[in-house]
């Protein structure tokens, strides 16, 4: 800790510890989101999977509204996104 806290957010040590914990949790969610963006595109490009919108992560979300919805894994026993709507 170098003492640079212009907003005074770390004045209370208990609150500072809570902020550090929250930052770690948010960082983990961000890393998981990154994997969620990269994985479909890599799977479509290198894995030969036929994903909606070519696996482009920001277009794949619209595929939920298409006929049949999203079919993850190709198994009819799985819960399909269309059934959620």
PDB file of N, CA and C in Angstrom:
ATOM      1  N   UNK A   1       0.848  -1.172   0.000  1.00  0.00           N
ATOM      2  CA  UNK A   1       0.000   0.000   0.000  1.00  0.00           C
ATOM      3  C   UNK A   1       0.899   1.243   0.000  1.00  0.00           C
ATOM      4  N   UNK A   2       0.724   2.068  -1.008  1.00  0.00           N
ATOM      5  CA  UNK A   2       1.564   3.261  -1.155  1.00  0.00           C
ATOM      6  C   UNK A   2       0.880   4.519  -0.620  1.00  0.00           C
ATOM      7  N   UNK A   3      -0.324   4.380  -0.076  1.00  0.00           N
ATOM      8  CA  UNK A   3      -0.994   5.516   0.526  1.00  0.00           C
ATOM      9  C   UNK A   3      -1.733   6.422  -0.444  1.00  0.00           C
ATOM     10  N   UNK A   4      -1.831   6.047  -1.698  1.00  0.00           N
ATOM     11  CA  UNK A   4      -2.518   6.891  -2.676  1.00  0.00           C
ATOM     12  C   UNK A   4      -3.993   6.520  -2.677  1.00  0.00           C
ATOM     13  N   UNK A   5      -4.810   7.302  -2.007  1.00  0.00           N
ATOM     14  CA  UNK A   5      -6.250   7.069  -1.912  1.00  0.00           C
ATOM     15  C   UNK A   5      -6.939   8.416  -1.837  1.00  0.00           C
ATOM     16  N   UNK A   6      -7.060   9.092  -2.962  1.00  0.00           N
ATOM     17  CA  UNK A   6      -7.612  10.447  -2.991  1.00  0.00           C
ATOM     18  C   UNK A   6      -9.081  10.494  -2.597  1.00  0.00           C
ATOM     19  N   UNK A   7      -9.827   9.405  -2.833  1.00  0.00           N
ATOM     20  CA  UNK A   7     -11.249   9.400  -2.495  1.00  0.00           C
ATOM     21  C   UNK A   7     -11.498   8.966  -1.051  1.00  0.00           C
ATOM     22  N   UNK A   8     -10.494   8.458  -0.393  1.00  0.00           N
ATOM     23  CA  UNK A   8     -10.659   8.034   0.993  1.00  0.00           C
ATOM     24  C   UNK A   8     -11.417   6.734   1.146  1.00  0.00           C
ATOM     25  N   UNK A   9     -11.433   5.897   0.116  1.00  0.00           N
ATOM     26  CA  UNK A   9     -12.181   4.647   0.174  1.00  0.00           C
ATOM     27  C   UNK A   9     -11.554   3.625   1.112  1.00  0.00           C
ATOM     28  N   UNK A  10     -10.256   3.732   1.333  1.00  0.00           N
ATOM     29  CA  UNK A  10      -9.579   2.764   2.189  1.00  0.00           C
ATOM     30  C   UNK A  10      -9.288   3.290   3.578  1.00  0.00           C
ATOM     31  N   UNK A  11     -10.023   4.278   4.015  1.00  0.00           N
ATOM     32  CA  UNK A  11      -9.773   4.855   5.333  1.00  0.00           C
ATOM     33  C   UNK A  11     -10.051   3.847   6.447  1.00  0.00           C
ATOM     34  N   UNK A  12     -11.067   3.064   6.284  1.00  0.00           N
ATOM     35  CA  UNK A  12     -11.408   2.034   7.260  1.00  0.00           C
ATOM     36  C   UNK A  12     -10.794   0.710   6.796  1.00  0.00           C
ATOM     37  N   UNK A  13      -9.941   0.081   7.585  1.00  0.00           N
ATOM     38  CA  UNK A  13      -9.291  -1.163   7.164  1.00  0.00           C
ATOM     39  C   UNK A  13     -10.277  -2.297   6.864  1.00  0.00           C
ATOM     40  N   UNK A  14     -11.385  -2.335   7.582  1.00  0.00           N
ATOM     41  CA  UNK A  14     -12.390  -3.383   7.355  1.00  0.00           C
ATOM     42  C   UNK A  14     -13.060  -3.193   5.982  1.00  0.00           C
ATOM     43  N   UNK A  15     -13.371  -1.953   5.659  1.00  0.00           N
ATOM     44  CA  UNK A  15     -13.975  -1.647   4.361  1.00  0.00           C
ATOM     45  C   UNK A  15     -12.980  -1.900   3.235  1.00  0.00           C
ATOM     46  N   UNK A  16     -11.727  -1.564   3.449  1.00  0.00           N
ATOM     47  CA  UNK A  16     -10.693  -1.800   2.445  1.00  0.00           C
ATOM     48  C   UNK A  16     -10.567  -3.293   2.141  1.00  0.00           C
ATOM     49  N   UNK A  17     -10.623  -4.119   3.159  1.00  0.00           N
ATOM     50  CA  UNK A  17     -10.552  -5.575   2.960  1.00  0.00           C
ATOM     51  C   UNK A  17     -11.750  -6.063   2.148  1.00  0.00           C
ATOM     52  N   UNK A  18     -12.921  -5.498   2.424  1.00  0.00           N
ATOM     53  CA  UNK A  18     -14.120  -5.874   1.667  1.00  0.00           C
ATOM     54  C   UNK A  18     -13.997  -5.465   0.197  1.00  0.00           C
ATOM     55  N   UNK A  19     -13.432  -4.281  -0.049  1.00  0.00           N
ATOM     56  CA  UNK A  19     -13.224  -3.821  -1.429  1.00  0.00           C
ATOM     57  C   UNK A  19     -12.227  -4.710  -2.163  1.00  0.00           C
ATOM     58  N   UNK A  20     -11.183  -5.139  -1.469  1.00  0.00           N
ATOM     59  CA  UNK A  20     -10.209  -6.041  -2.090  1.00  0.00           C
ATOM     60  C   UNK A  20     -10.854  -7.363  -2.465  1.00  0.00           C
ATOM     61  N   UNK A  21     -11.672  -7.897  -1.566  1.00  0.00           N
ATOM     62  CA  UNK A  21     -12.385  -9.140  -1.832  1.00  0.00           C
ATOM     63  C   UNK A  21     -13.307  -8.993  -3.043  1.00  0.00           C
ATOM     64  N   UNK A  22     -14.041  -7.885  -3.082  1.00  0.00           N
ATOM     65  CA  UNK A  22     -14.963  -7.641  -4.200  1.00  0.00           C
ATOM     66  C   UNK A  22     -14.201  -7.508  -5.512  1.00  0.00           C
ATOM     67  N   UNK A  23     -13.021  -6.898  -5.472  1.00  0.00           N
ATOM     68  CA  UNK A  23     -12.231  -6.742  -6.682  1.00  0.00           C
ATOM     69  C   UNK A  23     -11.767  -8.096  -7.222  1.00  0.00           C
ATOM     70  N   UNK A  24     -11.380  -8.993  -6.330  1.00  0.00           N
ATOM     71  CA  UNK A  24     -10.970 -10.332  -6.755  1.00  0.00           C
ATOM     72  C   UNK A  24     -12.148 -11.077  -7.374  1.00  0.00           C
ATOM     73  N   UNK A  25     -13.304 -10.988  -6.744  1.00  0.00           N
ATOM     74  CA  UNK A  25     -14.491 -11.670  -7.274  1.00  0.00           C
ATOM     75  C   UNK A  25     -14.862 -11.118  -8.647  1.00  0.00           C
ATOM     76  N   UNK A  26     -14.853  -9.793  -8.804  1.00  0.00           N
ATOM     77  CA  UNK A  26     -15.186  -9.196 -10.093  1.00  0.00           C
ATOM     78  C   UNK A  26     -14.153  -9.559 -11.152  1.00  0.00           C
ATOM     79  N   UNK A  27     -12.896  -9.650 -10.761  1.00  0.00           N
ATOM     80  CA  UNK A  27     -11.853 -10.066 -11.691  1.00  0.00           C
ATOM     81  C   UNK A  27     -12.066 -11.487 -12.179  1.00  0.00           C
ATOM     82  N   UNK A  28     -12.500 -12.366 -11.292  1.00  0.00           N
ATOM     83  CA  UNK A  28     -12.772 -13.756 -11.685  1.00  0.00           C
ATOM     84  C   UNK A  28     -13.948 -13.837 -12.649  1.00  0.00           C
ATOM     85  N   UNK A  29     -14.984 -13.059 -12.392  1.00  0.00           N
ATOM     86  CA  UNK A  29     -16.122 -13.030 -13.316  1.00  0.00           C
ATOM     87  C   UNK A  29     -15.702 -12.478 -14.683  1.00  0.00           C
ATOM     88  N   UNK A  30     -14.825 -11.487 -14.673  1.00  0.00           N
ATOM     89  CA  UNK A  30     -14.344 -10.924 -15.935  1.00  0.00           C
ATOM     90  C   UNK A  30     -13.534 -11.955 -16.724  1.00  0.00           C
ATOM     91  N   UNK A  31     -12.711 -12.734 -16.033  1.00  0.00           N
ATOM     92  CA  UNK A  31     -11.947 -13.782 -16.717  1.00  0.00           C
ATOM     93  C   UNK A  31     -12.874 -14.842 -17.295  1.00  0.00           C
ATOM     94  N   UNK A  32     -13.921 -15.187 -16.557  1.00  0.00           N
ATOM     95  CA  UNK A  32     -14.889 -16.161 -17.050  1.00  0.00           C
ATOM     96  C   UNK A  32     -15.631 -15.617 -18.271  1.00  0.00           C
ATOM     97  N   UNK A  33     -15.956 -14.334 -18.248  1.00  0.00           N
ATOM     98  CA  UNK A  33     -16.607 -13.708 -19.399  1.00  0.00           C
ATOM     99  C   UNK A  33     -15.717 -13.699 -20.623  1.00  0.00           C
ATOM    100  N   UNK A  34     -14.420 -13.517 -20.419  1.00  0.00           N
ATOM    101  CA  UNK A  34     -13.477 -13.544 -21.533  1.00  0.00           C
ATOM    102  C   UNK A  34     -13.450 -14.919 -22.177  1.00  0.00           C
ATOM    103  N   UNK A  35     -13.442 -15.950 -21.347  1.00  0.00           N
ATOM    104  CA  UNK A  35     -13.478 -17.320 -21.878  1.00  0.00           C
ATOM    105  C   UNK A  35     -14.785 -17.538 -22.641  1.00  0.00           C
ATOM    106  N   UNK A  36     -15.879 -16.991 -22.129  1.00  0.00           N
ATOM    107  CA  UNK A  36     -17.165 -17.131 -22.800  1.00  0.00           C
ATOM    108  C   UNK A  36     -17.220 -16.435 -24.146  1.00  0.00           C
ATOM    109  N   UNK A  37     -16.381 -15.431 -24.346  1.00  0.00           N
ATOM    110  CA  UNK A  37     -16.318 -14.744 -25.636  1.00  0.00           C
ATOM    111  C   UNK A  37     -15.409 -15.478 -26.610  1.00  0.00           C
ATOM    112  N   UNK A  38     -14.293 -15.980 -26.112  1.00  0.00           N
ATOM    113  CA  UNK A  38     -13.296 -16.615 -26.983  1.00  0.00           C
ATOM    114  C   UNK A  38     -13.697 -18.040 -27.361  1.00  0.00           C
ATOM    115  N   UNK A  39     -14.256 -18.800 -26.434  1.00  0.00           N
ATOM    116  CA  UNK A  39     -14.537 -20.212 -26.647  1.00  0.00           C
ATOM    117  C   UNK A  39     -15.451 -20.489 -27.846  1.00  0.00           C
ATOM    118  N   UNK A  40     -16.600 -19.824 -27.996  1.00  0.00           N
ATOM    119  CA  UNK A  40     -17.453 -20.136 -29.144  1.00  0.00           C
ATOM    120  C   UNK A  40     -16.782 -19.851 -30.489  1.00  0.00           C
ATOM    121  N   UNK A  41     -16.032 -18.765 -30.550  1.00  0.00           N
ATOM    122  CA  UNK A  41     -15.367 -18.439 -31.813  1.00  0.00           C
ATOM    123  C   UNK A  41     -14.266 -19.440 -32.133  1.00  0.00           C
ATOM    124  N   UNK A  42     -13.510 -19.855 -31.119  1.00  0.00           N
ATOM    125  CA  UNK A  42     -12.461 -20.850 -31.337  1.00  0.00           C
ATOM    126  C   UNK A  42     -13.067 -22.199 -31.696  1.00  0.00           C
ATOM    127  N   UNK A  43     -14.174 -22.540 -31.064  1.00  0.00           N
ATOM    128  CA  UNK A  43     -14.838 -23.812 -31.358  1.00  0.00           C
ATOM    129  C   UNK A  43     -15.370 -23.825 -32.785  1.00  0.00           C
ATOM    130  N   UNK A  44     -15.926 -22.716 -33.238  1.00  0.00           N
ATOM    131  CA  UNK A  44     -16.445 -22.638 -34.601  1.00  0.00           C
ATOM    132  C   UNK A  44     -15.315 -22.657 -35.627  1.00  0.00           C
ATOM    133  N   UNK A  45     -14.201 -22.012 -35.292  1.00  0.00           N
ATOM    134  CA  UNK A  45     -13.102 -21.912 -36.251  1.00  0.00           C
ATOM    135  C   UNK A  45     -12.252 -23.179 -36.307  1.00  0.00           C
ATOM    136  N   UNK A  46     -11.890 -23.716 -35.150  1.00  0.00           N
ATOM    137  CA  UNK A  46     -10.959 -24.836 -35.110  1.00  0.00           C
ATOM    138  C   UNK A  46     -11.614 -26.171 -34.796  1.00  0.00           C
ATOM    139  N   UNK A  47     -12.764 -26.146 -34.138  1.00  0.00           N
ATOM    140  CA  UNK A  47     -13.411 -27.388 -33.719  1.00  0.00           C
ATOM    141  C   UNK A  47     -14.419 -27.918 -34.707  1.00  0.00           C
ATOM    142  N   UNK A  48     -14.729 -27.136 -35.723  1.00  0.00           N
ATOM    143  CA  UNK A  48     -15.677 -27.580 -36.735  1.00  0.00           C
ATOM    144  C   UNK A  48     -17.125 -27.599 -36.272  1.00  0.00           C
ATOM    145  N   UNK A  49     -17.426 -26.944 -35.182  1.00  0.00           N
ATOM    146  CA  UNK A  49     -18.797 -26.917 -34.671  1.00  0.00           C
ATOM    147  C   UNK A  49     -19.633 -25.943 -35.487  1.00  0.00           C
ATOM    148  N   UNK A  50     -20.880 -26.303 -35.702  1.00  0.00           N
ATOM    149  CA  UNK A  50     -21.802 -25.441 -36.432  1.00  0.00           C
ATOM    150  C   UNK A  50     -22.602 -24.622 -35.417  1.00  0.00           C
ATOM    151  N   UNK A  51     -22.069 -23.479 -35.070  1.00  0.00           N
ATOM    152  CA  UNK A  51     -22.712 -22.618 -34.081  1.00  0.00           C
ATOM    153  C   UNK A  51     -23.472 -21.498 -34.783  1.00  0.00           C
ATOM    154  N   UNK A  52     -24.533 -20.980 -34.154  1.00  0.00           N
ATOM    155  CA  UNK A  52     -25.271 -19.876 -34.748  1.00  0.00           C
ATOM    156  C   UNK A  52     -24.381 -18.658 -34.948  1.00  0.00           C
ATOM    157  N   UNK A  53     -24.596 -17.955 -36.027  1.00  0.00           N
ATOM    158  CA  UNK A  53     -23.860 -16.732 -36.376  1.00  0.00           C
ATOM    159  C   UNK A  53     -22.365 -16.992 -36.485  1.00  0.00           C
ATOM    160  N   UNK A  54     -21.989 -18.216 -36.791  1.00  0.00           N
ATOM    161  CA  UNK A  54     -20.587 -18.554 -36.971  1.00  0.00           C
ATOM    162  C   UNK A  54     -19.788 -18.520 -35.684  1.00  0.00           C
ATOM    163  N   UNK A  55     -20.463 -18.553 -34.541  1.00  0.00           N
ATOM    164  CA  UNK A  55     -19.780 -18.550 -33.260  1.00  0.00           C
ATOM    165  C   UNK A  55     -19.374 -17.176 -32.772  1.00  0.00           C
ATOM    166  N   UNK A  56     -19.729 -16.136 -33.516  1.00  0.00           N
ATOM    167  CA  UNK A  56     -19.386 -14.778 -33.086  1.00  0.00           C
ATOM    168  C   UNK A  56     -20.202 -14.471 -31.836  1.00  0.00           C
ATOM    169  N   UNK A  57     -19.529 -14.204 -30.743  1.00  0.00           N
ATOM    170  CA  UNK A  57     -20.181 -14.148 -29.441  1.00  0.00           C
ATOM    171  C   UNK A  57     -21.247 -13.079 -29.338  1.00  0.00           C
ATOM    172  N   UNK A  58     -21.053 -11.921 -29.957  1.00  0.00           N
ATOM    173  CA  UNK A  58     -22.044 -10.857 -29.797  1.00  0.00           C
ATOM    174  C   UNK A  58     -23.229 -11.014 -30.743  1.00  0.00           C
ATOM    175  N   UNK A  59     -23.153 -11.939 -31.689  1.00  0.00           N
ATOM    176  CA  UNK A  59     -24.287 -12.222 -32.573  1.00  0.00           C
ATOM    177  C   UNK A  59     -25.009 -13.503 -32.168  1.00  0.00           C
ATOM    178  N   UNK A  60     -24.333 -14.367 -31.439  1.00  0.00           N
ATOM    179  CA  UNK A  60     -24.917 -15.656 -31.071  1.00  0.00           C
ATOM    180  C   UNK A  60     -26.112 -15.518 -30.135  1.00  0.00           C
ATOM    181  N   UNK A  61     -26.168 -14.454 -29.356  1.00  0.00           N
ATOM    182  CA  UNK A  61     -27.283 -14.255 -28.446  1.00  0.00           C
ATOM    183  C   UNK A  61     -28.615 -14.088 -29.159  1.00  0.00           C
ATOM    184  N   UNK A  62     -28.595 -13.561 -30.374  1.00  0.00           N
ATOM    185  CA  UNK A  62     -29.829 -13.387 -31.136  1.00  0.00           C
ATOM    186  C   UNK A  62     -30.372 -14.719 -31.640  1.00  0.00           C
ATOM    187  N   UNK A  63     -29.552 -15.756 -31.655  1.00  0.00           N
ATOM    188  CA  UNK A  63     -29.985 -17.060 -32.149  1.00  0.00           C
ATOM    189  C   UNK A  63     -31.021 -17.707 -31.245  1.00  0.00           C
ATOM    190  N   UNK A  64     -31.174 -17.208 -30.030  1.00  0.00           N
ATOM    191  CA  UNK A  64     -32.184 -17.747 -29.125  1.00  0.00           C
ATOM    192  C   UNK A  64     -33.588 -17.522 -29.679  1.00  0.00           C
ATOM    193  N   UNK A  65     -33.749 -16.492 -30.517  1.00  0.00           N
ATOM    194  CA  UNK A  65     -35.060 -16.173 -31.066  1.00  0.00           C
ATOM    195  C   UNK A  65     -35.336 -16.874 -32.390  1.00  0.00           C
ATOM    196  N   UNK A  66     -34.361 -17.594 -32.923  1.00  0.00           N
ATOM    197  CA  UNK A  66     -34.561 -18.333 -34.175  1.00  0.00           C
ATOM    198  C   UNK A  66     -35.350 -19.609 -33.910  1.00  0.00           C
ATOM    199  N   UNK A  67     -35.833 -20.207 -34.952  1.00  0.00           N
ATOM    200  CA  UNK A  67     -36.558 -21.468 -34.845  1.00  0.00           C
ATOM    201  C   UNK A  67     -35.654 -22.542 -34.257  1.00  0.00           C
ATOM    202  N   UNK A  68     -36.078 -23.168 -33.194  1.00  0.00           N
ATOM    203  CA  UNK A  68     -35.278 -24.200 -32.553  1.00  0.00           C
ATOM    204  C   UNK A  68     -34.366 -23.661 -31.469  1.00  0.00           C
ATOM    205  N   UNK A  69     -34.150 -22.363 -31.440  1.00  0.00           N
ATOM    206  CA  UNK A  69     -33.314 -21.753 -30.403  1.00  0.00           C
ATOM    207  C   UNK A  69     -31.869 -22.195 -30.470  1.00  0.00           C
ATOM    208  N   UNK A  70     -31.184 -22.102 -29.373  1.00  0.00           N
ATOM    209  CA  UNK A  70     -29.795 -22.536 -29.284  1.00  0.00           C
ATOM    210  C   UNK A  70     -29.770 -24.008 -28.904  1.00  0.00           C
ATOM    211  N   UNK A  71     -28.997 -24.771 -29.594  1.00  0.00           N
ATOM    212  CA  UNK A  71     -28.907 -26.203 -29.329  1.00  0.00           C
ATOM    213  C   UNK A  71     -27.485 -26.520 -28.902  1.00  0.00           C
ATOM    214  N   UNK A  72     -27.190 -26.288 -27.644  1.00  0.00           N
ATOM    215  CA  UNK A  72     -25.836 -26.529 -27.150  1.00  0.00           C
ATOM    216  C   UNK A  72     -25.600 -28.008 -26.971  1.00  0.00           C
ATOM    217  N   UNK A  73     -24.582 -28.509 -27.585  1.00  0.00           N
ATOM    218  CA  UNK A  73     -24.192 -29.902 -27.428  1.00  0.00           C
ATOM    219  C   UNK A  73     -24.918 -30.852 -28.358  1.00  0.00           C
ATOM    220  N   UNK A  74     -25.973 -30.430 -29.019  1.00  0.00           N
ATOM    221  CA  UNK A  74     -26.694 -31.272 -29.967  1.00  0.00           C
ATOM    222  C   UNK A  74     -27.500 -32.381 -29.332  1.00  0.00           C
ATOM    223  N   UNK A  75     -27.735 -32.322 -28.052  1.00  0.00           N
ATOM    224  CA  UNK A  75     -28.483 -33.372 -27.364  1.00  0.00           C
ATOM    225  C   UNK A  75     -29.899 -32.897 -27.059  1.00  0.00           C
ATOM    226  N   UNK A  76     -30.907 -33.651 -27.487  1.00  0.00           N
ATOM    227  CA  UNK A  76     -32.287 -33.231 -27.214  1.00  0.00           C
ATOM    228  C   UNK A  76     -32.650 -33.320 -25.728  1.00  0.00           C
ATOM    229  N   UNK A  77     -31.861 -34.024 -24.919  1.00  0.00           N
ATOM    230  CA  UNK A  77     -32.148 -34.134 -23.490  1.00  0.00           C
ATOM    231  C   UNK A  77     -31.708 -32.891 -22.719  1.00  0.00           C
ATOM    232  N   UNK A  78     -30.880 -32.075 -23.324  1.00  0.00           N
ATOM    233  CA  UNK A  78     -30.404 -30.874 -22.634  1.00  0.00           C
ATOM    234  C   UNK A  78     -31.484 -29.797 -22.637  1.00  0.00           C
ATOM    235  N   UNK A  79     -31.401 -28.887 -21.683  1.00  0.00           N
ATOM    236  CA  UNK A  79     -32.328 -27.762 -21.649  1.00  0.00           C
ATOM    237  C   UNK A  79     -31.927 -26.802 -22.748  1.00  0.00           C
ATOM    238  N   UNK A  80     -32.864 -26.463 -23.586  1.00  0.00           N
ATOM    239  CA  UNK A  80     -32.577 -25.575 -24.701  1.00  0.00           C
ATOM    240  C   UNK A  80     -33.016 -24.161 -24.355  1.00  0.00           C
ATOM    241  N   UNK A  81     -32.295 -23.204 -24.887  1.00  0.00           N
ATOM    242  CA  UNK A  81     -32.572 -21.803 -24.588  1.00  0.00           C
ATOM    243  C   UNK A  81     -33.971 -21.417 -25.022  1.00  0.00           C
ATOM    244  N   UNK A  82     -34.492 -22.000 -26.096  1.00  0.00           N
ATOM    245  CA  UNK A  82     -35.824 -21.659 -26.577  1.00  0.00           C
ATOM    246  C   UNK A  82     -36.886 -22.039 -25.559  1.00  0.00           C
ATOM    247  N   UNK A  83     -36.657 -23.101 -24.782  1.00  0.00           N
ATOM    248  CA  UNK A  83     -37.647 -23.515 -23.799  1.00  0.00           C
ATOM    249  C   UNK A  83     -37.723 -22.553 -22.611  1.00  0.00           C
ATOM    250  N   UNK A  84     -36.698 -21.734 -22.432  1.00  0.00           N
ATOM    251  CA  UNK A  84     -36.719 -20.769 -21.342  1.00  0.00           C
ATOM    252  C   UNK A  84     -37.676 -19.633 -21.659  1.00  0.00           C
ATOM    253  N   UNK A  85     -37.771 -19.278 -22.943  1.00  0.00           N
ATOM    254  CA  UNK A  85     -38.658 -18.178 -23.324  1.00  0.00           C
ATOM    255  C   UNK A  85     -40.055 -18.596 -23.185  1.00  0.00           C
TER     256      UNK A  85
END
